[in-house]
Amino acid sequence: MPTTNDFRRGMVIDIGGVLCQIVEFQHVNPGKGAAFVRSKMKEILSGKVLDRTWRAGEKVTEVRVEHRIWELLYMTDLEFVVMNPDTYDQIHLDFDLVGDASKYLIENSEVKIAFVDDKPIMVEPPDTVKLEVVKTDPGLKGDTASGGSKPAFLQTGLKVQVPLFIQEKDVIRIDTRNDSYLERVSS
């Protein structure tokens, strides 16, 4: 059984029946008193962030999480329908389960789904996605890549800052970790 000394980022543990993912942790060894571990965890289902202090060496229950790549077939207002590309099995995921990943997902895109005992618990978008710009201010003659930025709305409803030369209908690559523009894919 793992202990708090085995903590690592992304580790999923069970705390009283609630699955939590470790976001940050710090081992503290004060000059006086016993060592302890400060941690910041995110409840997987609710998204709530928790701060907790543990005794060093305290036993925890690690949950085995399996990540699988699925394909998003289509989405409705309430759910996402995904398919296993190997077996063609389909499952329906509630909008709440998909959460913030929904702002990066379009039909026929790949989705990484985390499973615990064959039950989906979390959806993760890829690190980068290609999305089409549907609304932005027109660029002016002479605008360059280093000249500044403007807001753009993408096909999923996501709003990002893009260089001035980006036009409507351009396809751009976005970093999903910080919603930043990376490059124009096509004109």
Protein backbone atom coordinates (compact mmCIF):
# COMPACT_ATOMS: atom_id res chain seq x y z
CA MET A 1 0.00 0.00 0.00
CA PRO A 2 1.52 3.38 -0.99
CA THR A 3 2.22 6.12 1.53
CA THR A 4 2.35 9.91 1.36
CA ASN A 5 6.09 9.55 0.62
CA ASP A 6 5.09 7.99 -2.74
CA PHE A 7 2.98 10.98 -3.89
CA ARG A 8 3.44 12.12 -7.48
CA ARG A 9 1.56 14.56 -9.70
CA GLY A 10 -1.46 13.03 -11.39
CA MET A 11 -1.73 10.18 -8.86
CA VAL A 12 -5.36 9.30 -8.07
CA ILE A 13 -6.21 8.34 -4.49
CA ASP A 14 -9.40 7.39 -2.68
CA ILE A 15 -10.22 9.57 0.32
CA GLY A 16 -13.31 8.26 2.07
CA GLY A 17 -14.92 7.10 -1.19
CA VAL A 18 -14.08 10.30 -3.08
CA LEU A 19 -11.57 10.05 -5.93
CA CYS A 20 -8.98 12.84 -5.86
CA GLN A 21 -6.10 13.60 -8.20
CA ILE A 22 -2.93 15.10 -6.73
CA VAL A 23 -2.16 18.45 -8.36
CA GLU A 24 0.73 19.59 -6.14
CA PHE A 25 2.52 18.28 -3.09
CA GLN A 26 5.43 19.31 -0.89
CA HIS A 27 7.36 17.30 1.67
CA VAL A 28 8.13 19.47 4.72
CA ASN A 29 10.70 18.51 7.33
CA PRO A 30 10.66 21.20 10.02
CA GLY A 31 13.60 21.52 12.36
CA LYS A 32 11.37 20.70 15.29
CA GLY A 33 8.58 18.16 15.15
CA ALA A 34 7.57 15.43 12.74
CA ALA A 35 7.79 15.66 8.95
CA PHE A 36 4.57 16.14 6.99
CA VAL A 37 3.29 16.44 3.42
CA ARG A 38 1.22 19.37 2.18
CA SER A 39 -0.94 18.54 -0.82
CA LYS A 40 -3.36 20.19 -3.19
CA MET A 41 -5.86 17.76 -4.72
CA LYS A 42 -8.75 18.02 -7.13
CA GLU A 43 -11.90 15.98 -6.66
CA ILE A 44 -12.34 14.22 -9.99
CA LEU A 45 -16.12 14.25 -10.20
CA SER A 46 -16.87 17.69 -8.74
CA GLY A 47 -13.68 19.54 -9.71
CA LYS A 48 -13.39 21.03 -6.22
CA VAL A 49 -9.81 21.75 -5.10
CA LEU A 50 -8.82 20.57 -1.63
CA ASP A 51 -5.80 21.42 0.51
CA ARG A 52 -4.76 18.70 2.94
CA THR A 53 -1.82 18.07 5.24
CA TRP A 54 -0.71 14.48 5.83
CA ARG A 55 1.73 12.88 8.27
CA ALA A 56 4.86 11.66 6.50
CA GLY A 57 4.53 7.96 5.77
CA GLU A 58 0.74 7.89 6.22
CA LYS A 59 -0.85 5.12 4.15
CA VAL A 60 -3.19 6.08 1.29
CA THR A 61 -5.34 4.08 -1.11
CA GLU A 62 -4.16 4.54 -4.69
CA VAL A 63 -6.73 3.96 -7.41
CA ARG A 64 -5.61 2.31 -10.64
CA VAL A 65 -6.65 4.52 -13.52
CA GLU A 66 -6.55 3.29 -17.11
CA HIS A 67 -6.40 5.83 -19.94
CA ARG A 68 -7.87 4.89 -23.32
CA ILE A 69 -8.18 6.82 -26.58
CA TRP A 70 -11.74 7.01 -27.93
CA GLU A 71 -13.29 8.90 -30.84
CA LEU A 72 -15.98 11.52 -30.35
CA LEU A 73 -18.84 10.69 -32.73
CA TYR A 74 -21.28 13.47 -31.91
CA MET A 75 -22.60 15.60 -29.08
CA THR A 76 -26.00 16.82 -27.96
CA ASP A 77 -26.93 19.45 -25.39
CA LEU A 78 -26.78 16.83 -22.61
CA GLU A 79 -24.20 14.24 -23.60
CA PHE A 80 -21.25 13.20 -25.73
CA VAL A 81 -21.27 9.91 -27.65
CA VAL A 82 -17.83 8.32 -28.01
CA MET A 83 -16.69 5.15 -29.76
CA ASN A 84 -13.83 2.76 -29.08
CA PRO A 85 -11.96 2.67 -32.42
CA ASP A 86 -10.88 -0.96 -31.89
CA THR A 87 -14.15 -2.61 -30.83
CA TYR A 88 -16.67 0.00 -32.11
CA ASP A 89 -18.35 -0.01 -28.69
CA GLN A 90 -20.16 3.25 -27.94
CA ILE A 91 -20.75 4.96 -24.60
CA HIS A 92 -22.65 8.09 -23.65
CA LEU A 93 -20.85 10.59 -21.41
CA ASP A 94 -22.76 13.22 -19.43
CA PHE A 95 -21.84 16.83 -20.11
CA ASP A 96 -20.81 17.16 -16.44
CA LEU A 97 -18.29 14.33 -16.79
CA VAL A 98 -16.67 15.95 -19.85
CA GLY A 99 -16.50 19.33 -18.10
CA ASP A 100 -14.00 21.90 -19.40
CA ALA A 101 -12.69 19.49 -22.03
CA SER A 102 -15.86 20.22 -24.04
CA LYS A 103 -14.47 23.56 -25.24
CA TYR A 104 -11.79 21.71 -27.24
CA LEU A 105 -13.78 18.81 -28.67
CA ILE A 106 -15.29 18.59 -32.13
CA GLU A 107 -16.88 15.63 -33.88
CA ASN A 108 -14.50 12.90 -35.12
CA SER A 109 -11.71 14.04 -32.80
CA GLU A 110 -9.72 11.82 -30.44
CA VAL A 111 -10.47 11.97 -26.72
CA LYS A 112 -8.50 10.47 -23.83
CA ILE A 113 -10.85 8.98 -21.25
CA ALA A 114 -9.75 7.82 -17.79
CA PHE A 115 -11.46 4.66 -16.52
CA VAL A 116 -11.63 3.10 -13.07
CA ASP A 117 -13.00 -0.46 -13.16
CA ASP A 118 -14.38 0.12 -16.71
CA LYS A 119 -16.31 3.19 -15.52
CA PRO A 120 -15.39 6.52 -17.15
CA ILE A 121 -14.38 9.10 -14.54
CA MET A 122 -12.63 11.88 -16.45
CA VAL A 123 -12.17 13.19 -20.01
CA GLU A 124 -8.91 14.83 -21.04
CA PRO A 125 -8.48 16.76 -24.30
CA PRO A 126 -5.30 16.32 -26.33
CA ASP A 127 -2.45 18.78 -25.57
CA THR A 128 -3.12 20.63 -28.83
CA VAL A 129 -6.20 20.89 -31.04
CA LYS A 130 -6.98 22.38 -34.44
CA LEU A 131 -10.06 24.63 -34.44
CA GLU A 132 -11.59 27.02 -36.96
CA VAL A 133 -11.93 30.75 -36.23
CA VAL A 134 -15.60 31.71 -36.63
CA LYS A 135 -15.49 35.34 -35.47
CA THR A 136 -12.72 37.89 -35.15
CA ASP A 137 -12.05 41.47 -36.13
CA PRO A 138 -10.56 41.89 -39.61
CA GLY A 139 -6.83 42.36 -39.82
CA LEU A 140 -5.30 45.45 -41.40
CA LYS A 141 -2.69 45.67 -44.13
CA GLY A 142 0.77 45.41 -42.63
CA ASP A 143 -0.25 43.36 -39.58
CA THR A 144 2.55 40.99 -38.62
CA ALA A 145 2.93 38.01 -36.33
CA SER A 146 4.74 40.07 -33.69
CA GLY A 147 2.54 43.17 -33.88
CA GLY A 148 -0.04 42.38 -31.20
CA SER A 149 -3.11 40.29 -30.61
CA LYS A 150 -6.89 40.37 -30.82
CA PRO A 151 -9.70 38.14 -29.49
CA ALA A 152 -11.06 35.35 -31.69
CA PHE A 153 -14.00 33.01 -31.17
CA LEU A 154 -13.50 29.42 -32.28
CA GLN A 155 -16.00 26.85 -33.52
CA THR A 156 -16.48 25.36 -30.03
CA GLY A 157 -17.21 28.76 -28.47
CA LEU A 158 -13.72 29.11 -26.97
CA LYS A 159 -12.30 32.66 -26.94
CA VAL A 160 -8.53 33.02 -27.40
CA GLN A 161 -6.04 35.77 -28.21
CA VAL A 162 -4.57 35.45 -31.72
CA PRO A 163 -2.13 37.50 -33.82
CA LEU A 164 -3.60 40.35 -35.89
CA PHE A 165 -3.15 38.53 -39.24
CA ILE A 166 -5.58 35.71 -38.31
CA GLN A 167 -8.86 35.92 -40.26
CA GLU A 168 -12.25 34.22 -40.00
CA LYS A 169 -12.27 30.65 -41.41
CA ASP A 170 -8.55 30.19 -40.61
CA VAL A 171 -7.75 26.93 -38.83
CA ILE A 172 -5.40 27.42 -35.89
CA ARG A 173 -3.66 25.15 -33.39
CA ILE A 174 -4.42 25.83 -29.70
CA ASP A 175 -2.54 24.62 -26.61
CA THR A 176 -5.29 23.21 -24.36
CA ARG A 177 -3.21 23.51 -21.18
CA ASN A 178 -3.33 27.34 -21.22
CA ASP A 179 -5.70 28.27 -24.11
CA SER A 180 -2.87 29.89 -26.07
CA TYR A 181 -2.47 30.27 -29.82
CA LEU A 182 0.37 28.17 -31.29
CA GLU A 183 0.18 28.48 -35.09
CA ARG A 184 -2.03 28.87 -38.13
CA VAL A 185 -2.58 25.49 -39.76
CA SER A 186 -4.21 26.63 -43.02
CA SER A 187 -5.59 29.76 -44.62
